[in-house]
Amino acid sequence: MEVEEEERRSPHDHVDRCVPESFFDRGTLALRGYLEHERDGRLQLADTGSKHRAEFAFAQFENERALTSLRDELRVARGIVDRSRDEISALQTLVDAHHREHKALCKMLERKGILHRKKQPDTLVMFPSQRPEGNICLHWYSSHVRCNANLTMAMQYTKWADVLG
């Protein structure tokens, strides 16, 4: 019967018989304390994780809102650029029309014998003998001509009378 009892006992039973009960009580208390500490640590980690997830979600929301705002600003800026391009195109068309008109007027004045092409300077020059206040130079785009008659005669053939006059 002793053999059967020894067979039923585990190897740890022998250790249990050698160790006083207070040792097991202290170990059990230590394990319980360790488990409580670990559980508190897990709860703190879960709370910290929840807090960080909330902060992350809020930061992500702020980033999306900022991104939306930047997209709106970009859309407005592109609209301004498009309108500016349209204005530039319209102004370029106007400049080209004025240039064509200027060339046509200069050709008309040349045919009438009022203007003569001059090769060196790029200015419209009136001779001092034809006006009292001295030498006046008027710069016009890329076609420059020399005036051979008085200013009043040139004004009657151009639309520049208000500008010159």
N, C-alpha and C. Protein backbone atom coordinates (compact mmCIF):
# COMPACT_ATOMS: atom_id res chain seq x y z
N MET A 1 0.79 -1.17 0.00
CA MET A 1 0.00 0.00 0.00
C MET A 1 0.85 1.25 0.00
N GLU A 2 1.95 1.17 0.64
CA GLU A 2 2.86 2.30 0.62
C GLU A 2 3.39 2.54 -0.78
N VAL A 3 3.57 1.47 -1.51
CA VAL A 3 4.06 1.59 -2.88
C VAL A 3 3.02 2.29 -3.73
N GLU A 4 1.75 1.95 -3.53
CA GLU A 4 0.69 2.59 -4.29
C GLU A 4 0.59 4.07 -3.95
N GLU A 5 0.73 4.40 -2.68
CA GLU A 5 0.68 5.81 -2.29
C GLU A 5 1.83 6.58 -2.90
N GLU A 6 2.99 5.96 -2.93
CA GLU A 6 4.14 6.64 -3.51
C GLU A 6 3.97 6.82 -5.01
N GLU A 7 3.32 5.85 -5.65
CA GLU A 7 3.09 5.97 -7.09
C GLU A 7 2.08 7.07 -7.39
N ARG A 8 1.10 7.22 -6.51
CA ARG A 8 0.10 8.25 -6.72
C ARG A 8 0.65 9.63 -6.47
N ARG A 9 1.61 9.74 -5.65
CA ARG A 9 2.18 11.05 -5.33
C ARG A 9 3.06 11.51 -6.49
N SER A 10 3.02 12.74 -6.72
CA SER A 10 3.88 13.31 -7.76
C SER A 10 5.23 13.66 -7.15
N PRO A 11 6.20 13.96 -7.98
CA PRO A 11 7.51 14.34 -7.43
C PRO A 11 7.43 15.64 -6.64
N HIS A 12 6.44 16.47 -6.95
CA HIS A 12 6.31 17.74 -6.23
C HIS A 12 5.75 17.55 -4.83
N ASP A 13 5.02 16.48 -4.64
CA ASP A 13 4.47 16.22 -3.30
C ASP A 13 5.58 16.06 -2.28
N HIS A 14 6.65 15.49 -2.70
CA HIS A 14 7.78 15.32 -1.79
C HIS A 14 8.34 16.69 -1.39
N VAL A 15 8.38 17.59 -2.35
CA VAL A 15 8.87 18.95 -2.06
C VAL A 15 7.88 19.65 -1.15
N ASP A 16 6.58 19.45 -1.42
CA ASP A 16 5.56 20.10 -0.61
C ASP A 16 5.65 19.67 0.85
N ARG A 17 5.99 18.42 1.09
CA ARG A 17 6.09 17.95 2.47
C ARG A 17 7.28 18.56 3.18
N CYS A 18 8.30 18.93 2.40
CA CYS A 18 9.51 19.46 3.03
C CYS A 18 9.40 20.95 3.32
N VAL A 19 8.53 21.65 2.63
CA VAL A 19 8.45 23.11 2.75
C VAL A 19 7.34 23.46 3.73
N PRO A 20 7.60 24.41 4.61
CA PRO A 20 6.54 24.81 5.55
C PRO A 20 5.40 25.54 4.83
N GLU A 21 4.21 25.54 5.42
CA GLU A 21 3.03 26.15 4.81
C GLU A 21 3.17 27.66 4.65
N SER A 22 3.84 28.33 5.52
CA SER A 22 3.98 29.78 5.43
C SER A 22 4.72 30.18 4.15
N PHE A 23 5.62 29.33 3.66
CA PHE A 23 6.33 29.62 2.42
C PHE A 23 5.36 29.65 1.25
N PHE A 24 4.42 28.69 1.24
CA PHE A 24 3.42 28.64 0.17
C PHE A 24 2.48 29.84 0.26
N ASP A 25 2.13 30.22 1.47
CA ASP A 25 1.26 31.38 1.64
C ASP A 25 1.95 32.64 1.12
N ARG A 26 3.24 32.77 1.46
CA ARG A 26 3.97 33.95 0.98
C ARG A 26 4.09 33.93 -0.55
N GLY A 27 4.33 32.79 -1.13
CA GLY A 27 4.43 32.66 -2.59
C GLY A 27 3.12 32.98 -3.27
N THR A 28 2.03 32.47 -2.67
CA THR A 28 0.70 32.73 -3.22
C THR A 28 0.40 34.22 -3.18
N LEU A 29 0.70 34.86 -2.06
CA LEU A 29 0.49 36.30 -1.95
C LEU A 29 1.34 37.06 -2.96
N ALA A 30 2.58 36.62 -3.12
CA ALA A 30 3.46 37.29 -4.09
C ALA A 30 2.92 37.14 -5.51
N LEU A 31 2.43 35.93 -5.84
CA LEU A 31 1.86 35.72 -7.17
C LEU A 31 0.60 36.55 -7.38
N ARG A 32 -0.24 36.62 -6.34
CA ARG A 32 -1.44 37.45 -6.45
C ARG A 32 -1.07 38.92 -6.66
N GLY A 33 -0.08 39.39 -5.91
CA GLY A 33 0.39 40.77 -6.08
C GLY A 33 0.93 41.00 -7.49
N TYR A 34 1.69 40.00 -7.97
CA TYR A 34 2.25 40.11 -9.32
C TYR A 34 1.13 40.15 -10.36
N LEU A 35 0.11 39.27 -10.18
CA LEU A 35 -1.02 39.25 -11.11
C LEU A 35 -1.79 40.57 -11.09
N GLU A 36 -2.01 41.12 -9.90
CA GLU A 36 -2.69 42.42 -9.80
C GLU A 36 -1.88 43.51 -10.47
N HIS A 37 -0.56 43.46 -10.23
CA HIS A 37 0.32 44.45 -10.86
C HIS A 37 0.25 44.33 -12.38
N GLU A 38 0.29 43.12 -12.90
CA GLU A 38 0.22 42.90 -14.34
C GLU A 38 -1.14 43.34 -14.90
N ARG A 39 -2.21 43.04 -14.17
CA ARG A 39 -3.54 43.44 -14.60
C ARG A 39 -3.65 44.97 -14.63
N ASP A 40 -3.14 45.64 -13.57
CA ASP A 40 -3.13 47.11 -13.56
C ASP A 40 -2.31 47.65 -14.73
N GLY A 41 -1.17 47.01 -14.99
CA GLY A 41 -0.34 47.43 -16.13
C GLY A 41 -1.07 47.29 -17.44
N ARG A 42 -1.80 46.15 -17.62
CA ARG A 42 -2.58 45.96 -18.84
C ARG A 42 -3.69 46.99 -18.96
N LEU A 43 -4.36 47.29 -17.83
CA LEU A 43 -5.41 48.31 -17.85
C LEU A 43 -4.84 49.68 -18.19
N GLN A 44 -3.68 50.00 -17.62
CA GLN A 44 -3.03 51.27 -17.95
C GLN A 44 -2.65 51.32 -19.43
N LEU A 45 -2.12 50.21 -19.92
CA LEU A 45 -1.78 50.17 -21.35
C LEU A 45 -3.02 50.32 -22.21
N ALA A 46 -4.12 49.67 -21.81
CA ALA A 46 -5.36 49.80 -22.57
C ALA A 46 -5.86 51.24 -22.53
N ASP A 47 -5.81 51.88 -21.33
CA ASP A 47 -6.22 53.28 -21.21
C ASP A 47 -5.32 54.18 -22.06
N THR A 48 -4.02 53.93 -21.97
CA THR A 48 -3.07 54.73 -22.75
C THR A 48 -3.32 54.53 -24.24
N GLY A 49 -3.57 53.28 -24.64
CA GLY A 49 -3.87 52.99 -26.05
C GLY A 49 -5.13 53.70 -26.50
N SER A 50 -6.16 53.68 -25.66
CA SER A 50 -7.41 54.37 -25.99
C SER A 50 -7.17 55.87 -26.12
N LYS A 51 -6.41 56.39 -25.16
CA LYS A 51 -6.10 57.83 -25.18
C LYS A 51 -5.32 58.18 -26.45
N HIS A 52 -4.31 57.37 -26.77
CA HIS A 52 -3.52 57.65 -27.97
C HIS A 52 -4.34 57.47 -29.24
N ARG A 53 -5.24 56.49 -29.26
CA ARG A 53 -6.10 56.31 -30.43
C ARG A 53 -6.99 57.53 -30.61
N ALA A 54 -7.53 58.04 -29.49
CA ALA A 54 -8.38 59.23 -29.57
C ALA A 54 -7.57 60.43 -30.05
N GLU A 55 -6.36 60.60 -29.51
CA GLU A 55 -5.50 61.70 -29.95
C GLU A 55 -5.14 61.54 -31.43
N PHE A 56 -4.84 60.31 -31.83
CA PHE A 56 -4.51 60.06 -33.23
C PHE A 56 -5.70 60.37 -34.13
N ALA A 57 -6.89 59.94 -33.72
CA ALA A 57 -8.09 60.20 -34.52
C ALA A 57 -8.33 61.71 -34.64
N PHE A 58 -8.15 62.43 -33.52
CA PHE A 58 -8.34 63.87 -33.56
C PHE A 58 -7.29 64.53 -34.46
N ALA A 59 -6.03 64.11 -34.34
CA ALA A 59 -4.97 64.66 -35.18
C ALA A 59 -5.23 64.35 -36.65
N GLN A 60 -5.72 63.15 -36.93
CA GLN A 60 -6.04 62.78 -38.30
C GLN A 60 -7.18 63.64 -38.83
N PHE A 61 -8.18 63.90 -37.98
CA PHE A 61 -9.28 64.78 -38.37
C PHE A 61 -8.76 66.18 -38.67
N GLU A 62 -7.88 66.70 -37.81
CA GLU A 62 -7.29 68.03 -38.03
C GLU A 62 -6.51 68.05 -39.35
N ASN A 63 -5.74 67.00 -39.60
CA ASN A 63 -4.97 66.94 -40.85
C ASN A 63 -5.87 66.92 -42.07
N GLU A 64 -6.96 66.16 -41.99
CA GLU A 64 -7.90 66.11 -43.11
C GLU A 64 -8.55 67.47 -43.33
N ARG A 65 -8.89 68.15 -42.23
CA ARG A 65 -9.48 69.47 -42.35
C ARG A 65 -8.49 70.46 -42.96
N ALA A 66 -7.22 70.39 -42.52
CA ALA A 66 -6.19 71.26 -43.08
C ALA A 66 -5.98 70.95 -44.56
N LEU A 67 -5.99 69.67 -44.91
CA LEU A 67 -5.82 69.27 -46.30
C LEU A 67 -6.98 69.79 -47.15
N THR A 68 -8.18 69.70 -46.64
CA THR A 68 -9.34 70.22 -47.35
C THR A 68 -9.21 71.73 -47.55
N SER A 69 -8.77 72.42 -46.51
CA SER A 69 -8.57 73.86 -46.60
C SER A 69 -7.52 74.20 -47.66
N LEU A 70 -6.42 73.45 -47.66
CA LEU A 70 -5.37 73.69 -48.66
C LEU A 70 -5.87 73.40 -50.07
N ARG A 71 -6.69 72.36 -50.21
CA ARG A 71 -7.25 72.07 -51.54
C ARG A 71 -8.16 73.20 -52.00
N ASP A 72 -8.95 73.76 -51.07
CA ASP A 72 -9.81 74.89 -51.42
C ASP A 72 -8.97 76.09 -51.84
N GLU A 73 -7.90 76.37 -51.08
CA GLU A 73 -7.02 77.48 -51.43
C GLU A 73 -6.38 77.26 -52.79
N LEU A 74 -5.98 76.03 -53.06
CA LEU A 74 -5.38 75.70 -54.36
C LEU A 74 -6.38 75.91 -55.48
N ARG A 75 -7.63 75.50 -55.25
CA ARG A 75 -8.67 75.69 -56.25
C ARG A 75 -8.88 77.18 -56.53
N VAL A 76 -8.91 77.99 -55.47
CA VAL A 76 -9.07 79.44 -55.64
C VAL A 76 -7.87 80.02 -56.39
N ALA A 77 -6.66 79.60 -56.01
CA ALA A 77 -5.45 80.11 -56.67
C ALA A 77 -5.44 79.73 -58.15
N ARG A 78 -5.86 78.50 -58.46
CA ARG A 78 -5.91 78.10 -59.87
C ARG A 78 -6.93 78.93 -60.64
N GLY A 79 -8.05 79.26 -59.99
CA GLY A 79 -9.03 80.13 -60.63
C GLY A 79 -8.46 81.50 -60.91
N ILE A 80 -7.71 82.04 -59.93
CA ILE A 80 -7.08 83.35 -60.12
C ILE A 80 -6.07 83.29 -61.26
N VAL A 81 -5.28 82.22 -61.30
CA VAL A 81 -4.29 82.06 -62.37
C VAL A 81 -4.99 81.98 -63.73
N ASP A 82 -6.07 81.22 -63.80
CA ASP A 82 -6.81 81.10 -65.06
C ASP A 82 -7.37 82.45 -65.50
N ARG A 83 -7.96 83.19 -64.55
CA ARG A 83 -8.48 84.51 -64.90
C ARG A 83 -7.35 85.45 -65.32
N SER A 84 -6.20 85.35 -64.64
CA SER A 84 -5.06 86.19 -65.01
C SER A 84 -4.57 85.84 -66.41
N ARG A 85 -4.54 84.55 -66.73
CA ARG A 85 -4.13 84.15 -68.08
C ARG A 85 -5.10 84.71 -69.12
N ASP A 86 -6.39 84.66 -68.81
CA ASP A 86 -7.38 85.22 -69.73
C ASP A 86 -7.17 86.72 -69.91
N GLU A 87 -6.91 87.42 -68.80
CA GLU A 87 -6.66 88.86 -68.88
C GLU A 87 -5.40 89.15 -69.68
N ILE A 88 -4.35 88.36 -69.45
CA ILE A 88 -3.10 88.55 -70.19
C ILE A 88 -3.34 88.32 -71.68
N SER A 89 -4.09 87.29 -72.01
CA SER A 89 -4.40 87.00 -73.41
C SER A 89 -5.18 88.16 -74.03
N ALA A 90 -6.17 88.67 -73.30
CA ALA A 90 -6.96 89.80 -73.81
C ALA A 90 -6.08 91.03 -73.99
N LEU A 91 -5.20 91.29 -73.02
CA LEU A 91 -4.30 92.44 -73.14
C LEU A 91 -3.32 92.26 -74.30
N GLN A 92 -2.82 91.04 -74.50
CA GLN A 92 -1.92 90.78 -75.61
C GLN A 92 -2.63 91.00 -76.94
N THR A 93 -3.88 90.57 -77.01
CA THR A 93 -4.68 90.79 -78.22
C THR A 93 -4.86 92.28 -78.46
N LEU A 94 -5.12 93.03 -77.40
CA LEU A 94 -5.28 94.47 -77.51
C LEU A 94 -3.98 95.13 -77.96
N VAL A 95 -2.86 94.70 -77.39
CA VAL A 95 -1.55 95.25 -77.77
C VAL A 95 -1.28 94.96 -79.24
N ASP A 96 -1.57 93.74 -79.67
CA ASP A 96 -1.36 93.39 -81.08
C ASP A 96 -2.24 94.24 -81.99
N ALA A 97 -3.49 94.46 -81.59
CA ALA A 97 -4.39 95.30 -82.39
C ALA A 97 -3.86 96.72 -82.47
N HIS A 98 -3.39 97.26 -81.35
CA HIS A 98 -2.83 98.62 -81.35
C HIS A 98 -1.58 98.69 -82.22
N HIS A 99 -0.78 97.64 -82.17
CA HIS A 99 0.43 97.62 -82.98
C HIS A 99 0.08 97.60 -84.47
N ARG A 100 -0.89 96.77 -84.85
CA ARG A 100 -1.32 96.74 -86.25
C ARG A 100 -1.88 98.09 -86.68
N GLU A 101 -2.68 98.70 -85.80
CA GLU A 101 -3.24 100.02 -86.10
C GLU A 101 -2.13 101.05 -86.25
N HIS A 102 -1.14 100.98 -85.39
CA HIS A 102 0.00 101.90 -85.46
C HIS A 102 0.75 101.74 -86.78
N LYS A 103 1.00 100.49 -87.16
CA LYS A 103 1.70 100.25 -88.42
C LYS A 103 0.88 100.78 -89.60
N ALA A 104 -0.43 100.55 -89.56
CA ALA A 104 -1.29 101.03 -90.65
C ALA A 104 -1.28 102.55 -90.71
N LEU A 105 -1.32 103.21 -89.56
CA LEU A 105 -1.29 104.67 -89.53
C LEU A 105 0.05 105.20 -90.05
N CYS A 106 1.13 104.54 -89.65
CA CYS A 106 2.45 104.98 -90.13
C CYS A 106 2.55 104.82 -91.64
N LYS A 107 2.03 103.71 -92.19
CA LYS A 107 2.06 103.51 -93.64
C LYS A 107 1.22 104.57 -94.34
N MET A 108 0.06 104.90 -93.75
CA MET A 108 -0.79 105.92 -94.33
C MET A 108 -0.07 107.27 -94.34
N LEU A 109 0.59 107.59 -93.22
CA LEU A 109 1.32 108.86 -93.15
C LEU A 109 2.50 108.87 -94.12
N GLU A 110 3.14 107.73 -94.31
CA GLU A 110 4.24 107.65 -95.29
C GLU A 110 3.71 107.88 -96.70
N ARG A 111 2.55 107.28 -97.02
CA ARG A 111 1.98 107.45 -98.36
C ARG A 111 1.59 108.90 -98.61
N LYS A 112 1.14 109.58 -97.58
CA LYS A 112 0.75 110.98 -97.72
C LYS A 112 1.97 111.90 -97.77
N GLY A 113 3.14 111.35 -97.45
CA GLY A 113 4.36 112.14 -97.50
C GLY A 113 4.64 112.90 -96.22
N ILE A 114 3.94 112.58 -95.15
CA ILE A 114 4.14 113.27 -93.88
C ILE A 114 5.28 112.64 -93.10
N LEU A 115 5.41 111.32 -93.14
CA LEU A 115 6.44 110.61 -92.40
C LEU A 115 7.43 109.98 -93.36
N HIS A 116 8.70 109.96 -92.97
CA HIS A 116 9.74 109.30 -93.74
C HIS A 116 10.50 108.37 -92.81
N ARG A 117 10.78 107.17 -93.28
CA ARG A 117 11.53 106.20 -92.47
C ARG A 117 12.94 106.69 -92.25
N LYS A 118 13.41 106.50 -91.04
CA LYS A 118 14.78 106.84 -90.69
C LYS A 118 15.45 105.55 -90.22
N LYS A 119 16.67 105.28 -90.66
CA LYS A 119 17.29 103.99 -90.38
C LYS A 119 17.98 103.91 -89.03
N GLN A 120 18.65 104.94 -88.52
CA GLN A 120 19.43 104.81 -87.29
C GLN A 120 18.59 104.84 -86.00
N PRO A 121 18.02 105.95 -85.61
CA PRO A 121 17.36 105.97 -84.30
C PRO A 121 16.00 105.27 -84.34
N ASP A 122 15.59 104.78 -83.19
CA ASP A 122 14.30 104.12 -83.06
C ASP A 122 13.30 105.07 -82.40
N THR A 123 13.14 106.26 -82.95
CA THR A 123 12.22 107.23 -82.36
C THR A 123 11.49 107.99 -83.45
N LEU A 124 10.40 108.60 -83.08
CA LEU A 124 9.69 109.52 -83.97
C LEU A 124 10.20 110.91 -83.61
N VAL A 125 10.85 111.57 -84.56
CA VAL A 125 11.49 112.86 -84.27
C VAL A 125 10.87 113.93 -85.14
N MET A 126 10.56 115.07 -84.54
CA MET A 126 10.13 116.25 -85.27
C MET A 126 11.28 117.23 -85.33
N PHE A 127 11.45 117.85 -86.44
CA PHE A 127 12.55 118.79 -86.57
C PHE A 127 12.29 120.03 -85.72
N PRO A 128 13.34 120.61 -85.11
CA PRO A 128 13.17 121.79 -84.25
C PRO A 128 12.59 122.99 -84.99
N SER A 129 12.84 123.08 -86.27
CA SER A 129 12.33 124.24 -87.01
C SER A 129 10.82 124.19 -87.16
N GLN A 130 10.23 123.02 -86.99
CA GLN A 130 8.80 122.87 -87.19
C GLN A 130 7.98 123.10 -85.93
N ARG A 131 8.60 123.21 -84.79
CA ARG A 131 7.88 123.51 -83.55
C ARG A 131 8.77 124.35 -82.65
N PRO A 132 8.17 125.17 -81.83
CA PRO A 132 8.94 126.15 -81.06
C PRO A 132 9.66 125.61 -79.84
N GLU A 133 9.20 124.54 -79.20
CA GLU A 133 9.75 124.18 -77.89
C GLU A 133 10.95 123.25 -77.94
N GLY A 134 11.54 122.94 -79.03
CA GLY A 134 12.75 122.13 -79.08
C GLY A 134 12.48 120.74 -79.62
N ASN A 135 13.41 119.84 -79.38
CA ASN A 135 13.36 118.49 -79.94
C ASN A 135 12.56 117.55 -79.04
N ILE A 136 11.51 116.91 -79.57
CA ILE A 136 10.69 115.96 -78.81
C ILE A 136 10.82 114.60 -79.46
N CYS A 137 11.04 113.57 -78.65
CA CYS A 137 11.11 112.20 -79.16
C CYS A 137 9.94 111.41 -78.59
N LEU A 138 9.21 110.73 -79.46
CA LEU A 138 8.10 109.89 -79.04
C LEU A 138 8.43 108.45 -79.41
N HIS A 139 8.38 107.54 -78.43
CA HIS A 139 8.68 106.13 -78.69
C HIS A 139 7.39 105.37 -78.97
N TRP A 140 7.33 104.68 -80.10
CA TRP A 140 6.17 103.88 -80.46
C TRP A 140 6.62 102.48 -80.77
N TYR A 141 6.16 101.48 -80.06
CA TYR A 141 6.41 100.05 -80.27
C TYR A 141 7.70 99.78 -81.02
N SER A 142 7.66 98.93 -82.08
CA SER A 142 8.89 98.60 -82.79
C SER A 142 9.02 99.34 -84.11
N SER A 143 7.94 99.93 -84.60
CA SER A 143 8.02 100.72 -85.83
C SER A 143 8.25 102.17 -85.45
N HIS A 144 9.39 102.70 -85.82
CA HIS A 144 9.73 104.08 -85.47
C HIS A 144 9.94 104.87 -86.75
N VAL A 145 9.40 106.06 -86.76
CA VAL A 145 9.46 106.89 -87.97
C VAL A 145 9.92 108.29 -87.63
N ARG A 146 10.33 109.02 -88.66
CA ARG A 146 10.79 110.40 -88.48
C ARG A 146 9.76 111.33 -89.09
N CYS A 147 9.38 112.32 -88.33
CA CYS A 147 8.36 113.24 -88.80
C CYS A 147 9.03 114.37 -89.59
N ASN A 148 8.45 114.73 -90.71
CA ASN A 148 9.03 115.67 -91.65
C ASN A 148 8.18 116.92 -91.76
N ALA A 149 7.04 116.90 -91.09
CA ALA A 149 6.14 118.05 -91.18
C ALA A 149 5.79 118.51 -89.78
N ASN A 150 4.94 119.48 -89.68
CA ASN A 150 4.62 119.97 -88.34
C ASN A 150 3.64 119.04 -87.62
N LEU A 151 3.56 119.22 -86.31
CA LEU A 151 2.79 118.33 -85.45
C LEU A 151 1.30 118.38 -85.76
N THR A 152 0.78 119.52 -86.09
CA THR A 152 -0.66 119.63 -86.36
C THR A 152 -1.05 118.86 -87.60
N MET A 153 -0.19 118.83 -88.60
CA MET A 153 -0.49 118.09 -89.81
C MET A 153 -0.49 116.58 -89.53
N ALA A 154 0.44 116.11 -88.70
CA ALA A 154 0.50 114.69 -88.36
C ALA A 154 -0.71 114.29 -87.53
N MET A 155 -1.19 115.20 -86.68
CA MET A 155 -2.32 114.88 -85.80
C MET A 155 -3.60 114.65 -86.57
N GLN A 156 -3.79 115.31 -87.68
CA GLN A 156 -5.04 115.14 -88.40
C GLN A 156 -5.14 113.78 -89.09
N TYR A 157 -4.02 113.05 -89.25
CA TYR A 157 -4.04 111.74 -89.86
C TYR A 157 -3.96 110.59 -88.85
N THR A 158 -3.86 110.89 -87.58
CA THR A 158 -3.72 109.82 -86.57
C THR A 158 -4.80 109.93 -85.51
N LYS A 159 -4.96 108.86 -84.80
CA LYS A 159 -5.87 108.86 -83.65
C LYS A 159 -5.11 109.25 -82.39
N TRP A 160 -3.86 109.60 -82.53
CA TRP A 160 -3.03 109.92 -81.38
C TRP A 160 -3.10 111.40 -81.00
N ALA A 161 -4.04 112.13 -81.56
CA ALA A 161 -4.13 113.56 -81.31
C ALA A 161 -4.33 113.86 -79.83
N ASP A 162 -5.14 113.05 -79.15
CA ASP A 162 -5.36 113.27 -77.72
C ASP A 162 -4.09 113.00 -76.93
N VAL A 163 -3.34 111.98 -77.32
CA VAL A 163 -2.13 111.62 -76.59
C VAL A 163 -1.05 112.65 -76.82
N LEU A 164 -0.89 113.08 -78.06
CA LEU A 164 0.17 114.02 -78.39
C LEU A 164 -0.18 115.45 -78.04
N GLY A 165 -1.44 115.75 -78.02
CA GLY A 165 -1.85 117.09 -78.01
C GLY A 165 -2.01 117.89 -76.85
